[in-house]
Amino acid sequence: MPLDHLVVLKLKPDVDEVAFFAAAHTLKKIPGVVSVSVGRNWVPEGAGNRGNGFTHGISVRFESKEDLMPYQVHEHHVYVKDNHIVPNLDGPPGPSTIMALDWEPAKAPWRLLGSENSPYSIKVRSYFRYKSINHRWILKQMASEESAEIANRAKLPIVPTVSSPDESILQDSTPIIELLEASSSSGPSIHPASASMRFLSCLLEEFSDEWVAQPYPTAL
């Protein structure tokens, strides 16, 4: 997962922005850096001092969080910091002239449209919980714009219906779970390690899905 690194700065009024921006862009040569963006704080007319005195920002995206510490000590980063950032600060380095934030971009949650009365909805919801996958449970019975939006994009009027972070629609409990199992590395696998036990697990799951929920004729 990528990591975003943001540095906000209060620079001197007479800073040579052309030279400063050029130096910041050279940070792209450091291993692990995906992209660099740099610029002056833009404040819309009438917005006041919402930048709290900070004038410029540098945003760096890394391939992963493991790239941050090697970047901090890389000789070229140290060079840019010592020769272009610190000398241009409008005061000594500290909370009033420089701040940094780092975060892994959060993904939108999965959305699960289901019903408390649907064993297949509860099955998929249990899987999301077991794997600790970020999701929202949306009851179909509670009519809302969100439930209607998901239902309108579905091919069939059934639950569970899952909307992925990229807005793809998934239906049918077993394919939903198998797709997530193949693409997710979080949490323990739902499948046994041995081939024979995996076959038995899939057989029991298929039987439970297709036959246990069916009505049986009563004896005459």
Protein backbone atom coordinates (compact mmCIF):
# COMPACT_ATOMS: atom_id res chain seq x y z
CA MET A 1 0.00 0.00 0.00
CA PRO A 2 1.36 3.46 -0.85
CA LEU A 3 2.23 6.04 1.77
CA ASP A 4 1.61 9.79 1.44
CA HIS A 5 4.08 12.17 3.10
CA LEU A 6 3.09 15.83 3.45
CA VAL A 7 5.37 18.62 4.63
CA VAL A 8 3.87 22.08 5.21
CA LEU A 9 6.24 25.02 5.45
CA LYS A 10 6.35 28.66 6.36
CA LEU A 11 8.94 30.12 4.00
CA LYS A 12 10.53 33.55 3.86
CA PRO A 13 8.64 36.16 1.81
CA ASP A 14 11.64 36.58 -0.53
CA VAL A 15 12.20 32.85 -1.18
CA ASP A 16 13.32 32.04 -4.72
CA GLU A 17 10.35 29.82 -5.59
CA VAL A 18 11.74 28.71 -8.96
CA ALA A 19 14.89 27.31 -7.33
CA PHE A 20 12.93 25.90 -4.36
CA PHE A 21 10.39 24.09 -6.56
CA ALA A 22 13.14 22.72 -8.80
CA ALA A 23 15.05 21.36 -5.78
CA ALA A 24 11.91 19.74 -4.35
CA HIS A 25 11.16 17.95 -7.62
CA THR A 26 14.63 16.34 -7.57
CA LEU A 27 13.43 14.25 -4.60
CA LYS A 28 11.81 12.00 -7.23
CA LYS A 29 15.22 10.44 -7.87
CA ILE A 30 15.25 8.80 -4.40
CA PRO A 31 14.35 5.07 -4.45
CA GLY A 32 10.80 4.32 -3.34
CA VAL A 33 9.42 7.73 -4.36
CA VAL A 34 6.49 7.48 -6.77
CA SER A 35 5.68 11.16 -7.21
CA VAL A 36 6.41 14.63 -5.83
CA SER A 37 4.13 17.67 -5.79
CA VAL A 38 5.14 21.10 -4.52
CA GLY A 39 3.52 24.52 -4.52
CA ARG A 40 2.46 27.68 -2.75
CA ASN A 41 -0.59 27.69 -0.50
CA TRP A 42 -3.58 29.01 -2.42
CA VAL A 43 -6.25 30.80 -0.40
CA PRO A 44 -9.59 31.66 -2.04
CA GLU A 45 -10.70 35.26 -1.77
CA GLY A 46 -12.45 35.86 1.53
CA ALA A 47 -11.27 32.58 3.09
CA GLY A 48 -9.00 34.30 5.60
CA ASN A 49 -5.81 32.81 7.04
CA ARG A 50 -6.88 29.20 6.98
CA GLY A 51 -3.28 28.13 6.34
CA ASN A 52 -2.31 29.44 9.83
CA GLY A 53 0.73 31.19 8.39
CA PHE A 54 2.09 28.21 6.42
CA THR A 55 2.92 29.24 2.88
CA HIS A 56 4.10 26.18 0.94
CA GLY A 57 3.73 22.42 0.83
CA ILE A 58 5.61 19.38 -0.47
CA SER A 59 3.73 16.12 -1.01
CA VAL A 60 5.62 12.88 -1.63
CA ARG A 61 4.04 9.52 -2.42
CA PHE A 62 6.03 6.36 -1.62
CA GLU A 63 5.50 2.86 -2.90
CA SER A 64 5.01 1.71 0.71
CA LYS A 65 5.54 2.87 4.30
CA GLU A 66 8.81 0.91 4.39
CA ASP A 67 10.31 3.53 2.03
CA LEU A 68 9.84 6.47 4.43
CA MET A 69 12.76 5.95 6.83
CA PRO A 70 15.36 5.19 4.10
CA TYR A 71 14.12 8.35 2.34
CA GLN A 72 14.64 10.44 5.50
CA VAL A 73 18.32 9.49 5.74
CA HIS A 74 19.05 9.35 2.01
CA GLU A 75 21.91 11.69 1.15
CA HIS A 76 19.93 13.58 -1.48
CA HIS A 77 17.01 14.21 0.90
CA VAL A 78 19.46 15.47 3.52
CA TYR A 79 21.04 17.72 0.88
CA VAL A 80 17.69 19.23 -0.19
CA LYS A 81 16.63 19.72 3.42
CA ASP A 82 19.89 21.34 4.52
CA ASN A 83 20.39 23.54 1.44
CA HIS A 84 16.90 24.44 0.23
CA ILE A 85 14.32 23.83 2.96
CA VAL A 86 15.83 24.84 6.31
CA PRO A 87 17.64 27.98 4.98
CA ASN A 88 14.35 29.22 3.47
CA LEU A 89 12.21 28.76 6.60
CA ASP A 90 10.81 31.98 8.01
CA GLY A 91 12.27 31.23 11.44
CA PRO A 92 14.04 28.36 13.21
CA PRO A 93 12.77 24.83 12.46
CA GLY A 94 9.82 24.08 14.74
CA PRO A 95 6.03 23.74 14.91
CA SER A 96 5.52 27.29 13.64
CA THR A 97 7.60 26.82 10.46
CA ILE A 98 7.47 23.14 9.48
CA MET A 99 5.15 20.19 10.06
CA ALA A 100 4.92 16.71 8.55
CA LEU A 101 2.07 14.20 8.21
CA ASP A 102 2.21 10.63 6.90
CA TRP A 103 -0.70 8.34 6.07
CA GLU A 104 -1.68 5.29 4.09
CA PRO A 105 -4.60 6.26 1.82
CA ALA A 106 -7.82 4.83 3.23
CA LYS A 107 -9.98 2.80 0.88
CA ALA A 108 -13.72 3.30 0.67
CA PRO A 109 -15.55 0.58 2.63
CA TRP A 110 -17.29 -2.37 1.05
CA ARG A 111 -21.05 -1.99 1.27
CA LEU A 112 -23.21 -5.02 2.02
CA LEU A 113 -26.91 -4.76 1.23
CA GLY A 114 -28.69 -7.53 3.06
CA SER A 115 -31.44 -8.65 5.37
CA GLU A 116 -31.46 -10.01 8.91
CA ASN A 117 -33.90 -12.67 7.68
CA SER A 118 -31.59 -13.86 4.90
CA PRO A 119 -29.16 -16.64 5.92
CA TYR A 120 -27.06 -15.83 2.85
CA SER A 121 -26.76 -12.18 3.93
CA ILE A 122 -25.70 -13.26 7.43
CA LYS A 123 -23.20 -15.69 5.90
CA VAL A 124 -21.49 -12.92 3.91
CA ARG A 125 -21.65 -10.51 6.84
CA SER A 126 -20.01 -13.12 9.07
CA TYR A 127 -17.24 -13.52 6.51
CA PHE A 128 -16.57 -9.74 6.47
CA ARG A 129 -16.38 -9.75 10.26
CA TYR A 130 -14.17 -12.86 10.41
CA LYS A 131 -11.69 -11.33 7.97
CA SER A 132 -11.91 -7.84 9.58
CA ILE A 133 -12.75 -6.27 6.21
CA ASN A 134 -13.90 -2.66 6.44
CA HIS A 135 -17.56 -2.67 5.43
CA ARG A 136 -20.97 -1.15 6.03
CA TRP A 137 -24.08 -3.24 6.67
CA ILE A 138 -27.12 -1.76 4.91
CA LEU A 139 -30.52 -3.25 5.63
CA LYS A 140 -32.69 -3.63 2.53
CA GLN A 141 -35.83 -3.32 4.66
CA MET A 142 -34.76 0.18 5.73
CA ALA A 143 -35.53 1.99 2.49
CA SER A 144 -32.89 4.65 1.84
CA GLU A 145 -31.20 6.38 -1.06
CA GLU A 146 -28.09 4.26 -0.50
CA SER A 147 -29.92 0.92 -0.50
CA ALA A 148 -31.89 1.98 -3.61
CA GLU A 149 -28.68 3.06 -5.37
CA ILE A 150 -27.03 -0.33 -4.80
CA ALA A 151 -30.20 -2.28 -5.69
CA ASN A 152 -30.63 -0.32 -8.93
CA ARG A 153 -27.11 -1.28 -10.09
CA ALA A 154 -27.65 -4.99 -9.34
CA LYS A 155 -28.61 -7.48 -12.05
CA LEU A 156 -31.01 -9.37 -9.79
CA PRO A 157 -33.32 -8.17 -6.97
CA ILE A 158 -31.73 -10.45 -4.38
CA VAL A 159 -29.67 -10.20 -1.21
CA PRO A 160 -26.90 -10.21 -0.40
CA THR A 161 -25.68 -7.61 -2.88
CA VAL A 162 -22.20 -6.22 -2.33
CA SER A 163 -20.83 -2.95 -3.71
CA SER A 164 -17.02 -2.95 -3.78
CA PRO A 165 -14.79 0.12 -3.13
CA ASP A 166 -14.54 0.58 -6.92
CA GLU A 167 -18.38 0.40 -7.19
CA SER A 168 -18.48 -3.07 -8.78
CA ILE A 169 -21.57 -5.12 -7.89
CA LEU A 170 -21.25 -8.69 -6.59
CA GLN A 171 -24.10 -11.12 -5.93
CA ASP A 172 -24.57 -14.69 -4.68
CA SER A 173 -22.94 -15.46 -1.35
CA THR A 174 -20.46 -18.15 -2.40
CA PRO A 175 -18.97 -16.25 -5.40
CA ILE A 176 -18.76 -13.12 -3.25
CA ILE A 177 -16.78 -14.93 -0.57
CA GLU A 178 -14.54 -16.81 -3.02
CA LEU A 179 -13.66 -13.59 -4.87
CA LEU A 180 -12.78 -11.86 -1.61
CA GLU A 181 -10.83 -14.89 -0.40
CA ALA A 182 -8.75 -14.89 -3.58
CA SER A 183 -8.02 -11.15 -3.48
CA SER A 184 -7.68 -10.45 0.25
CA SER A 185 -4.63 -11.23 2.37
CA SER A 186 -6.21 -10.14 5.66
CA GLY A 187 -7.05 -12.68 8.32
CA PRO A 188 -6.78 -16.49 8.25
CA SER A 189 -8.07 -18.44 5.26
CA ILE A 190 -11.54 -19.96 5.50
CA HIS A 191 -10.32 -23.06 3.67
CA PRO A 192 -8.50 -25.99 5.36
CA ALA A 193 -4.92 -26.54 4.29
CA SER A 194 -5.26 -30.13 3.05
CA ALA A 195 -6.94 -30.86 -0.28
CA SER A 196 -9.21 -33.56 1.15
CA MET A 197 -10.47 -31.38 4.00
CA ARG A 198 -10.94 -28.48 1.61
CA PHE A 199 -13.10 -30.69 -0.63
CA LEU A 200 -15.17 -31.78 2.37
CA SER A 201 -15.53 -28.16 3.51
CA CYS A 202 -16.74 -27.07 0.06
CA LEU A 203 -19.13 -30.04 -0.12
CA LEU A 204 -20.69 -29.15 3.24
CA GLU A 205 -20.93 -25.51 2.25
CA GLU A 206 -22.65 -26.42 -1.03
CA PHE A 207 -25.08 -28.76 0.72
CA SER A 208 -25.93 -26.14 3.34
CA ASP A 209 -26.40 -23.44 0.72
CA GLU A 210 -28.55 -25.38 -1.72
CA TRP A 211 -30.44 -27.95 0.38
CA VAL A 212 -30.68 -27.06 4.06
CA ALA A 213 -32.68 -23.93 3.28
CA GLN A 214 -35.12 -25.82 1.03
CA PRO A 215 -38.55 -26.84 2.32
CA TYR A 216 -38.95 -30.61 2.77
CA PRO A 217 -42.26 -32.43 2.25
CA THR A 218 -43.86 -33.61 5.46
CA ALA A 219 -44.60 -37.31 5.91
CA LEU A 220 -48.18 -38.31 5.16
